[in-house]
PDB file of N, CA and C in Angstrom:
ATOM      1  N   UNK A   1     132.349 -30.662 -75.161  1.00  0.00           N
ATOM      2  CA  UNK A   1     133.488 -29.817 -75.807  1.00  0.00           C
ATOM      3  C   UNK A   1     133.944 -28.704 -74.857  1.00  0.00           C
ATOM      4  N   UNK A   2     134.088 -29.223 -73.702  1.00  0.00           N
ATOM      5  CA  UNK A   2     134.625 -27.857 -73.140  1.00  0.00           C
ATOM      6  C   UNK A   2     136.056 -27.595 -73.606  1.00  0.00           C
ATOM      7  N   UNK A   3     136.503 -25.918 -73.181  1.00  0.00           N
ATOM      8  CA  UNK A   3     137.478 -24.900 -73.768  1.00  0.00           C
ATOM      9  C   UNK A   3     138.853 -25.687 -72.911  1.00  0.00           C
ATOM     10  N   UNK A   4     140.104 -25.877 -73.553  1.00  0.00           N
ATOM     11  CA  UNK A   4     141.602 -26.136 -73.125  1.00  0.00           C
ATOM     12  C   UNK A   4     141.445 -25.398 -71.663  1.00  0.00           C
ATOM     13  N   UNK A   5     141.501 -26.009 -70.608  1.00  0.00           N
ATOM     14  CA  UNK A   5     142.032 -25.426 -69.193  1.00  0.00           C
ATOM     15  C   UNK A   5     143.070 -23.996 -69.050  1.00  0.00           C
ATOM     16  N   UNK A   6     143.904 -23.864 -70.428  1.00  0.00           N
ATOM     17  CA  UNK A   6     145.201 -22.694 -70.223  1.00  0.00           C
ATOM     18  C   UNK A   6     143.848 -21.471 -71.033  1.00  0.00           C
ATOM     19  N   UNK A   7     143.102 -22.118 -71.840  1.00  0.00           N
ATOM     20  CA  UNK A   7     141.683 -21.082 -72.567  1.00  0.00           C
ATOM     21  C   UNK A   7     141.327 -20.313 -71.676  1.00  0.00           C
ATOM     22  N   UNK A   8     141.494 -18.545 -71.896  1.00  0.00           N
ATOM     23  CA  UNK A   8     140.348 -17.674 -71.425  1.00  0.00           C
ATOM     24  C   UNK A   8     138.821 -18.048 -71.782  1.00  0.00           C
ATOM     25  N   UNK A   9     139.300 -18.538 -73.346  1.00  0.00           N
ATOM     26  CA  UNK A   9     137.659 -18.453 -73.616  1.00  0.00           C
ATOM     27  C   UNK A   9     136.729 -19.678 -73.444  1.00  0.00           C
ATOM     28  N   UNK A  10     135.333 -18.667 -72.897  1.00  0.00           N
ATOM     29  CA  UNK A  10     134.425 -19.875 -72.421  1.00  0.00           C
ATOM     30  C   UNK A  10     134.034 -21.139 -73.834  1.00  0.00           C
ATOM     31  N   UNK A  11     134.561 -20.162 -74.976  1.00  0.00           N
ATOM     32  CA  UNK A  11     133.524 -21.207 -76.416  1.00  0.00           C
ATOM     33  C   UNK A  11     135.174 -22.485 -75.666  1.00  0.00           C
ATOM     34  N   UNK A  12     133.613 -23.413 -76.607  1.00  0.00           N
ATOM     35  CA  UNK A  12     134.579 -25.070 -77.281  1.00  0.00           C
ATOM     36  C   UNK A  12     135.325 -24.720 -78.232  1.00  0.00           C
ATOM     37  N   UNK A  13     136.001 -25.949 -78.617  1.00  0.00           N
ATOM     38  CA  UNK A  13     137.552 -25.873 -79.201  1.00  0.00           C
ATOM     39  C   UNK A  13     136.553 -27.323 -79.684  1.00  0.00           C
ATOM     40  N   UNK A  14     137.094 -27.399 -81.304  1.00  0.00           N
ATOM     41  CA  UNK A  14     136.251 -28.806 -82.439  1.00  0.00           C
ATOM     42  C   UNK A  14     138.124 -29.464 -82.803  1.00  0.00           C
ATOM     43  N   UNK A  15     138.589 -29.882 -81.705  1.00  0.00           N
ATOM     44  CA  UNK A  15     139.749 -30.900 -81.720  1.00  0.00           C
ATOM     45  C   UNK A  15     139.538 -32.135 -83.461  1.00  0.00           C
ATOM     46  N   UNK A  16     140.633 -32.323 -84.180  1.00  0.00           N
ATOM     47  CA  UNK A  16     140.395 -33.730 -84.480  1.00  0.00           C
ATOM     48  C   UNK A  16     141.334 -34.126 -84.664  1.00  0.00           C
ATOM     49  N   UNK A  17     142.183 -34.349 -83.917  1.00  0.00           N
ATOM     50  CA  UNK A  17     143.629 -34.825 -83.851  1.00  0.00           C
ATOM     51  C   UNK A  17     143.307 -36.225 -83.456  1.00  0.00           C
ATOM     52  N   UNK A  18     142.478 -36.491 -82.649  1.00  0.00           N
ATOM     53  CA  UNK A  18     141.743 -37.960 -82.377  1.00  0.00           C
ATOM     54  C   UNK A  18     140.437 -38.353 -83.679  1.00  0.00           C
ATOM     55  N   UNK A  19     140.713 -38.300 -84.581  1.00  0.00           N
ATOM     56  CA  UNK A  19     139.574 -38.453 -85.521  1.00  0.00           C
ATOM     57  C   UNK A  19     140.207 -38.963 -86.596  1.00  0.00           C
ATOM     58  N   UNK A  20     139.944 -39.824 -87.745  1.00  0.00           N
ATOM     59  CA  UNK A  20     140.145 -40.188 -89.163  1.00  0.00           C
ATOM     60  C   UNK A  20     138.857 -39.805 -89.678  1.00  0.00           C
ATOM     61  N   UNK A  21     139.284 -39.104 -90.899  1.00  0.00           N
ATOM     62  CA  UNK A  21     137.943 -38.059 -91.154  1.00  0.00           C
ATOM     63  C   UNK A  21     137.764 -39.249 -92.565  1.00  0.00           C
ATOM     64  N   UNK A  22     138.615 -40.245 -92.555  1.00  0.00           N
ATOM     65  CA  UNK A  22     138.602 -41.116 -93.901  1.00  0.00           C
ATOM     66  C   UNK A  22     136.979 -42.171 -93.683  1.00  0.00           C
ATOM     67  N   UNK A  23     136.955 -42.370 -92.646  1.00  0.00           N
ATOM     68  CA  UNK A  23     135.736 -43.116 -91.934  1.00  0.00           C
ATOM     69  C   UNK A  23     134.252 -42.287 -91.568  1.00  0.00           C
ATOM     70  N   UNK A  24     133.137 -42.618 -91.770  1.00  0.00           N
ATOM     71  CA  UNK A  24     131.755 -41.824 -92.168  1.00  0.00           C
ATOM     72  C   UNK A  24     131.714 -41.302 -90.599  1.00  0.00           C
ATOM     73  N   UNK A  25     131.856 -42.579 -89.439  1.00  0.00           N
ATOM     74  CA  UNK A  25     131.222 -42.002 -88.311  1.00  0.00           C
ATOM     75  C   UNK A  25     132.602 -40.981 -87.995  1.00  0.00           C
ATOM     76  N   UNK A  26     133.416 -40.398 -88.307  1.00  0.00           N
ATOM     77  CA  UNK A  26     134.553 -39.299 -87.077  1.00  0.00           C
ATOM     78  C   UNK A  26     134.116 -38.539 -88.353  1.00  0.00           C
ATOM     79  N   UNK A  27     133.516 -38.279 -89.378  1.00  0.00           N
ATOM     80  CA  UNK A  27     133.527 -37.752 -90.345  1.00  0.00           C
ATOM     81  C   UNK A  27     132.375 -36.752 -89.841  1.00  0.00           C
ATOM     82  N   UNK A  28     131.095 -37.659 -89.459  1.00  0.00           N
ATOM     83  CA  UNK A  28     129.877 -37.147 -88.825  1.00  0.00           C
ATOM     84  C   UNK A  28     130.515 -36.803 -87.271  1.00  0.00           C
ATOM     85  N   UNK A  29     130.734 -37.169 -86.932  1.00  0.00           N
ATOM     86  CA  UNK A  29     131.394 -36.937 -85.356  1.00  0.00           C
ATOM     87  C   UNK A  29     132.445 -35.197 -85.503  1.00  0.00           C
ATOM     88  N   UNK A  30     132.991 -35.083 -86.192  1.00  0.00           N
ATOM     89  CA  UNK A  30     133.695 -34.014 -86.741  1.00  0.00           C
ATOM     90  C   UNK A  30     132.649 -32.915 -87.185  1.00  0.00           C
ATOM     91  N   UNK A  31     131.406 -32.708 -88.175  1.00  0.00           N
ATOM     92  CA  UNK A  31     130.748 -32.074 -88.199  1.00  0.00           C
ATOM     93  C   UNK A  31     129.335 -32.144 -86.787  1.00  0.00           C
ATOM     94  N   UNK A  32     129.912 -32.358 -86.269  1.00  0.00           N
ATOM     95  CA  UNK A  32     128.979 -32.347 -84.723  1.00  0.00           C
ATOM     96  C   UNK A  32     129.560 -31.437 -84.413  1.00  0.00           C
ATOM     97  N   UNK A  33     130.830 -31.693 -84.294  1.00  0.00           N
ATOM     98  CA  UNK A  33     131.795 -30.353 -82.993  1.00  0.00           C
ATOM     99  C   UNK A  33     131.734 -29.107 -83.611  1.00  0.00           C
ATOM    100  N   UNK A  34     131.975 -29.711 -84.852  1.00  0.00           N
ATOM    101  CA  UNK A  34     131.531 -27.600 -85.805  1.00  0.00           C
ATOM    102  C   UNK A  34     130.512 -27.061 -85.881  1.00  0.00           C
ATOM    103  N   UNK A  35     129.354 -27.816 -85.730  1.00  0.00           N
ATOM    104  CA  UNK A  35     128.262 -27.149 -85.384  1.00  0.00           C
ATOM    105  C   UNK A  35     127.934 -26.723 -83.796  1.00  0.00           C
ATOM    106  N   UNK A  36     128.599 -27.518 -82.786  1.00  0.00           N
ATOM    107  CA  UNK A  36     127.929 -27.233 -81.949  1.00  0.00           C
ATOM    108  C   UNK A  36     129.091 -25.842 -81.806  1.00  0.00           C
ATOM    109  N   UNK A  37     130.452 -26.523 -81.935  1.00  0.00           N
ATOM    110  CA  UNK A  37     131.160 -24.883 -81.988  1.00  0.00           C
ATOM    111  C   UNK A  37     130.758 -23.339 -82.886  1.00  0.00           C
ATOM    112  N   UNK A  38     130.019 -23.889 -83.492  1.00  0.00           N
ATOM    113  CA  UNK A  38     129.377 -22.497 -84.163  1.00  0.00           C
ATOM    114  C   UNK A  38     128.108 -21.980 -83.460  1.00  0.00           C
ATOM    115  N   UNK A  39     127.335 -23.122 -83.263  1.00  0.00           N
ATOM    116  CA  UNK A  39     126.559 -22.626 -82.033  1.00  0.00           C
ATOM    117  C   UNK A  39     126.850 -21.925 -80.839  1.00  0.00           C
ATOM    118  N   UNK A  40     128.142 -22.548 -80.262  1.00  0.00           N
ATOM    119  CA  UNK A  40     128.809 -21.875 -79.367  1.00  0.00           C
ATOM    120  C   UNK A  40     128.776 -20.331 -79.333  1.00  0.00           C
ATOM    121  N   UNK A  41     129.423 -20.019 -81.017  1.00  0.00           N
ATOM    122  CA  UNK A  41     129.978 -18.694 -81.202  1.00  0.00           C
ATOM    123  C   UNK A  41     128.772 -17.766 -80.833  1.00  0.00           C
ATOM    124  N   UNK A  42     128.023 -18.197 -81.372  1.00  0.00           N
ATOM    125  CA  UNK A  42     127.070 -17.520 -81.896  1.00  0.00           C
ATOM    126  C   UNK A  42     125.786 -17.608 -81.040  1.00  0.00           C
ATOM    127  N   UNK A  43     125.621 -17.810 -79.525  1.00  0.00           N
ATOM    128  CA  UNK A  43     125.333 -17.773 -79.127  1.00  0.00           C
ATOM    129  C   UNK A  43     126.275 -16.313 -77.650  1.00  0.00           C
ATOM    130  N   UNK A  44     127.398 -16.860 -77.760  1.00  0.00           N
ATOM    131  CA  UNK A  44     128.416 -15.565 -77.224  1.00  0.00           C
ATOM    132  C   UNK A  44     128.056 -14.858 -77.798  1.00  0.00           C
ATOM    133  N   UNK A  45     128.374 -14.656 -79.006  1.00  0.00           N
ATOM    134  CA  UNK A  45     128.372 -13.509 -79.783  1.00  0.00           C
ATOM    135  C   UNK A  45     127.137 -12.102 -79.430  1.00  0.00           C
ATOM    136  N   UNK A  46     126.312 -12.913 -79.731  1.00  0.00           N
ATOM    137  CA  UNK A  46     124.752 -12.590 -79.159  1.00  0.00           C
ATOM    138  C   UNK A  46     124.493 -12.299 -78.541  1.00  0.00           C
ATOM    139  N   UNK A  47     124.985 -12.439 -77.151  1.00  0.00           N
ATOM    140  CA  UNK A  47     124.808 -12.011 -75.638  1.00  0.00           C
ATOM    141  C   UNK A  47     126.261 -11.291 -75.896  1.00  0.00           C
ATOM    142  N   UNK A  48     127.181 -10.742 -75.890  1.00  0.00           N
ATOM    143  CA  UNK A  48     127.985  -9.793 -76.263  1.00  0.00           C
ATOM    144  C   UNK A  48     127.594  -8.039 -76.933  1.00  0.00           C
ATOM    145  N   UNK A  49     126.895  -8.832 -78.135  1.00  0.00           N
ATOM    146  CA  UNK A  49     126.076  -7.614 -79.039  1.00  0.00           C
ATOM    147  C   UNK A  49     125.369  -7.300 -77.548  1.00  0.00           C
ATOM    148  N   UNK A  50     124.316  -7.932 -77.262  1.00  0.00           N
ATOM    149  CA  UNK A  50     123.127  -7.233 -76.404  1.00  0.00           C
ATOM    150  C   UNK A  50     123.961  -6.796 -75.030  1.00  0.00           C
ATOM    151  N   UNK A  51     124.853  -7.147 -74.810  1.00  0.00           N
ATOM    152  CA  UNK A  51     124.937  -6.174 -73.574  1.00  0.00           C
ATOM    153  C   UNK A  51     126.356  -4.866 -74.199  1.00  0.00           C
ATOM    154  N   UNK A  52     126.161  -4.729 -75.188  1.00  0.00           N
ATOM    155  CA  UNK A  52     126.607  -3.477 -75.893  1.00  0.00           C
ATOM    156  C   UNK A  52     126.033  -2.753 -76.198  1.00  0.00           C
ATOM    157  N   UNK A  53     124.178  -3.156 -76.179  1.00  0.00           N
ATOM    158  CA  UNK A  53     123.259  -2.157 -76.423  1.00  0.00           C
ATOM    159  C   UNK A  53     123.619  -2.460 -77.828  1.00  0.00           C
ATOM    160  N   UNK A  54     124.312  -3.161 -78.971  1.00  0.00           N
ATOM    161  CA  UNK A  54     123.643  -3.078 -80.405  1.00  0.00           C
ATOM    162  C   UNK A  54     122.655  -3.778 -80.842  1.00  0.00           C
ATOM    163  N   UNK A  55     122.196  -4.708 -79.896  1.00  0.00           N
ATOM    164  CA  UNK A  55     121.259  -5.598 -80.555  1.00  0.00           C
ATOM    165  C   UNK A  55     119.855  -5.532 -79.160  1.00  0.00           C
ATOM    166  N   UNK A  56     118.501  -5.838 -79.331  1.00  0.00           N
ATOM    167  CA  UNK A  56     117.562  -5.958 -78.086  1.00  0.00           C
ATOM    168  C   UNK A  56     117.621  -7.704 -77.768  1.00  0.00           C
ATOM    169  N   UNK A  57     116.721  -8.440 -77.310  1.00  0.00           N
ATOM    170  CA  UNK A  57     116.606  -9.444 -77.241  1.00  0.00           C
ATOM    171  C   UNK A  57     116.126 -10.212 -78.424  1.00  0.00           C
ATOM    172  N   UNK A  58     115.289  -9.344 -78.832  1.00  0.00           N
ATOM    173  CA  UNK A  58     115.056 -10.629 -80.471  1.00  0.00           C
ATOM    174  C   UNK A  58     115.754 -10.272 -81.461  1.00  0.00           C
ATOM    175  N   UNK A  59     116.807  -9.708 -80.853  1.00  0.00           N
ATOM    176  CA  UNK A  59     118.116  -9.954 -82.311  1.00  0.00           C
ATOM    177  C   UNK A  59     117.762  -8.454 -83.390  1.00  0.00           C
ATOM    178  N   UNK A  60     116.946  -7.233 -82.902  1.00  0.00           N
ATOM    179  CA  UNK A  60     116.846  -6.471 -83.923  1.00  0.00           C
ATOM    180  C   UNK A  60     117.919  -5.321 -83.351  1.00  0.00           C
ATOM    181  N   UNK A  61     118.877  -4.654 -84.208  1.00  0.00           N
ATOM    182  CA  UNK A  61     119.006  -3.098 -83.933  1.00  0.00           C
ATOM    183  C   UNK A  61     118.245  -2.151 -83.059  1.00  0.00           C
ATOM    184  N   UNK A  62     119.430  -1.421 -82.797  1.00  0.00           N
ATOM    185  CA  UNK A  62     118.862  -0.900 -81.346  1.00  0.00           C
ATOM    186  C   UNK A  62     118.817   0.420 -82.297  1.00  0.00           C
ATOM    187  N   UNK A  63     119.720   0.580 -83.023  1.00  0.00           N
ATOM    188  CA  UNK A  63     119.799   2.200 -83.563  1.00  0.00           C
ATOM    189  C   UNK A  63     120.059   1.627 -85.011  1.00  0.00           C
ATOM    190  N   UNK A  64     119.646   2.597 -85.799  1.00  0.00           N
ATOM    191  CA  UNK A  64     120.170   2.815 -87.049  1.00  0.00           C
ATOM    192  C   UNK A  64     121.355   3.906 -87.107  1.00  0.00           C
ATOM    193  N   UNK A  65     121.288   4.835 -86.655  1.00  0.00           N
ATOM    194  CA  UNK A  65     122.014   6.076 -86.363  1.00  0.00           C
ATOM    195  C   UNK A  65     123.334   5.648 -86.101  1.00  0.00           C
ATOM    196  N   UNK A  66     124.289   6.051 -86.446  1.00  0.00           N
ATOM    197  CA  UNK A  66     125.977   6.083 -86.804  1.00  0.00           C
ATOM    198  C   UNK A  66     126.188   6.463 -85.532  1.00  0.00           C
ATOM    199  N   UNK A  67     127.295   6.514 -85.200  1.00  0.00           N
ATOM    200  CA  UNK A  67     127.402   7.274 -83.878  1.00  0.00           C
ATOM    201  C   UNK A  67     127.963   8.420 -83.804  1.00  0.00           C
ATOM    202  N   UNK A  68     127.955   9.743 -82.966  1.00  0.00           N
ATOM    203  CA  UNK A  68     128.727  11.079 -84.084  1.00  0.00           C
ATOM    204  C   UNK A  68     130.092  11.050 -84.165  1.00  0.00           C
ATOM    205  N   UNK A  69     130.661  10.177 -83.863  1.00  0.00           N
ATOM    206  CA  UNK A  69     132.689  10.727 -84.305  1.00  0.00           C
ATOM    207  C   UNK A  69     132.262   9.783 -85.997  1.00  0.00           C
ATOM    208  N   UNK A  70     131.151   9.521 -86.567  1.00  0.00           N
ATOM    209  CA  UNK A  70     131.071   8.416 -88.157  1.00  0.00           C
ATOM    210  C   UNK A  70     130.459   9.539 -88.622  1.00  0.00           C
ATOM    211  N   UNK A  71     129.900  10.707 -88.186  1.00  0.00           N
ATOM    212  CA  UNK A  71     129.016  11.433 -89.182  1.00  0.00           C
ATOM    213  C   UNK A  71     129.707  12.472 -90.191  1.00  0.00           C
ATOM    214  N   UNK A  72     129.324  12.691 -90.941  1.00  0.00           N
ATOM    215  CA  UNK A  72     130.436  13.643 -91.499  1.00  0.00           C
ATOM    216  C   UNK A  72     131.072  15.139 -91.087  1.00  0.00           C
ATOM    217  N   UNK A  73     130.060  15.498 -90.404  1.00  0.00           N
ATOM    218  CA  UNK A  73     130.287  17.070 -90.092  1.00  0.00           C
ATOM    219  C   UNK A  73     131.731  16.548 -88.535  1.00  0.00           C
ATOM    220  N   UNK A  74     132.236  15.230 -88.077  1.00  0.00           N
ATOM    221  CA  UNK A  74     132.257  14.745 -86.980  1.00  0.00           C
ATOM    222  C   UNK A  74     134.191  15.914 -87.422  1.00  0.00           C
ATOM    223  N   UNK A  75     134.680  15.939 -86.929  1.00  0.00           N
ATOM    224  CA  UNK A  75     136.012  16.669 -86.976  1.00  0.00           C
ATOM    225  C   UNK A  75     136.897  15.445 -86.785  1.00  0.00           C
ATOM    226  N   UNK A  76     136.543  14.283 -85.632  1.00  0.00           N
ATOM    227  CA  UNK A  76     137.447  13.113 -85.912  1.00  0.00           C
ATOM    228  C   UNK A  76     138.069  12.023 -86.858  1.00  0.00           C
ATOM    229  N   UNK A  77     139.504  11.851 -86.804  1.00  0.00           N
ATOM    230  CA  UNK A  77     139.659  11.200 -88.291  1.00  0.00           C
ATOM    231  C   UNK A  77     140.698  10.348 -87.034  1.00  0.00           C
ATOM    232  N   UNK A  78     141.065   9.255 -88.080  1.00  0.00           N
ATOM    233  CA  UNK A  78     141.791   8.423 -87.568  1.00  0.00           C
ATOM    234  C   UNK A  78     143.313   8.677 -87.017  1.00  0.00           C
ATOM    235  N   UNK A  79     143.764   9.919 -87.475  1.00  0.00           N
ATOM    236  CA  UNK A  79     145.155  10.769 -86.767  1.00  0.00           C
ATOM    237  C   UNK A  79     144.764  11.608 -85.632  1.00  0.00           C
ATOM    238  N   UNK A  80     143.959  11.762 -85.680  1.00  0.00           N
ATOM    239  CA  UNK A  80     143.256  12.611 -84.276  1.00  0.00           C
ATOM    240  C   UNK A  80     142.809  11.908 -83.263  1.00  0.00           C
ATOM    241  N   UNK A  81     141.707  10.509 -83.313  1.00  0.00           N
ATOM    242  CA  UNK A  81     140.943   9.936 -82.141  1.00  0.00           C
ATOM    243  C   UNK A  81     139.803  10.748 -81.944  1.00  0.00           C
TER     244      UNK A  81
END
């Protein structure tokens, strides 16, 4: 279940154009593909959140504090950036 050659994403796809979902075995294959896709996306997102320093290796939040630009006393707005 590799990504398409023209797709820059390392996350696999879950095509169904080769399946007949009226057949139980094809329905099982579709479910397997979707679950594999979900697992790959969860792994990729977790790695991204760790790399950004949002979560640690155990999946716990590194901080519960808001960034300075989101605090009530911040002068940053949507208009001024």
